[in-house]
Amino acid sequence: MQDKTYKLIELVGVSATSMEDAIQNAIGRANQTLKNLDWFELVEARGLIQDGKVGQYQVKLKVGFRLMG
């Protein structure tokens, strides 16, 4: 079994429609510039209130990716 080492970063994803979309937006954007994304952890969820309604969903994620050997 090969040992693995991970780098951990924090991301904030944003969406006007849902928490799930905010997560997908953050992971999708990270995937454009990082390789070997393996896992994420939802750390925090919050939102923006506009005119008495939810205007924006925001999620903070920890994302782990394998360092290349």
Protein backbone atom coordinates (compact mmCIF):
# COMPACT_ATOMS: atom_id res chain seq x y z
CA MET A 1 0.00 0.00 0.00
CA GLN A 2 1.36 3.39 -1.01
CA ASP A 3 1.61 6.15 1.60
CA LYS A 4 -0.15 9.38 0.68
CA THR A 5 0.41 12.97 1.73
CA TYR A 6 -2.29 15.59 1.38
CA LYS A 7 -2.36 19.36 1.16
CA LEU A 8 -5.35 20.98 2.86
CA ILE A 9 -6.89 24.25 1.70
CA GLU A 10 -10.03 26.21 2.57
CA LEU A 11 -12.51 27.40 -0.02
CA VAL A 12 -15.72 29.40 0.12
CA GLY A 13 -18.36 28.46 -2.44
CA VAL A 14 -21.26 30.74 -3.30
CA SER A 15 -24.59 30.16 -5.03
CA ALA A 16 -27.87 31.99 -5.41
CA THR A 17 -29.82 28.72 -5.55
CA SER A 18 -28.66 26.20 -2.90
CA MET A 19 -25.99 24.95 -0.52
CA GLU A 20 -25.37 21.99 -2.81
CA ASP A 21 -24.71 24.33 -5.74
CA ALA A 22 -22.35 26.39 -3.58
CA ILE A 23 -20.37 23.22 -2.80
CA GLN A 24 -20.31 22.20 -6.48
CA ASN A 25 -19.18 25.70 -7.49
CA ALA A 26 -16.25 25.63 -5.06
CA ILE A 27 -15.15 22.11 -6.03
CA GLY A 28 -15.61 22.77 -9.75
CA ARG A 29 -13.51 25.92 -9.64
CA ALA A 30 -10.75 24.26 -7.59
CA ASN A 31 -10.71 21.37 -10.06
CA GLN A 32 -9.76 23.82 -12.84
CA THR A 33 -6.40 24.62 -11.21
CA LEU A 34 -5.61 21.77 -8.79
CA LYS A 35 -4.92 18.10 -9.45
CA ASN A 36 -5.72 15.03 -7.36
CA LEU A 37 -8.67 16.46 -5.41
CA ASP A 38 -9.77 13.61 -3.15
CA TRP A 39 -12.12 14.83 -0.43
CA PHE A 40 -13.88 17.77 1.17
CA GLU A 41 -15.33 18.61 4.56
CA LEU A 42 -18.15 21.11 5.05
CA VAL A 43 -16.90 23.42 7.80
CA GLU A 44 -19.43 26.22 7.84
CA ALA A 45 -22.69 27.19 6.15
CA ARG A 46 -24.14 30.67 6.06
CA GLY A 47 -26.15 32.93 3.80
CA LEU A 48 -26.94 36.45 2.79
CA ILE A 49 -30.38 37.89 3.48
CA GLN A 50 -31.75 40.30 0.90
CA ASP A 51 -35.18 41.89 1.23
CA GLY A 52 -36.18 39.36 3.90
CA LYS A 53 -35.30 36.33 1.72
CA VAL A 54 -32.27 34.15 1.19
CA GLY A 55 -30.27 35.93 -1.50
CA GLN A 56 -27.11 33.84 -1.44
CA TYR A 57 -25.81 30.61 0.06
CA GLN A 58 -22.20 30.46 1.24
CA VAL A 59 -20.25 27.39 2.35
CA LYS A 60 -16.76 27.05 3.75
CA LEU A 61 -15.02 23.82 2.78
CA LYS A 62 -11.76 22.15 3.66
CA VAL A 63 -10.49 20.40 0.55
CA GLY A 64 -7.74 17.80 0.49
CA PHE A 65 -5.65 16.89 -2.51
CA ARG A 66 -2.82 14.40 -2.87
CA LEU A 67 0.68 15.75 -3.34
CA MET A 68 2.35 14.23 -6.34
CA GLY A 69 5.45 12.13 -5.71
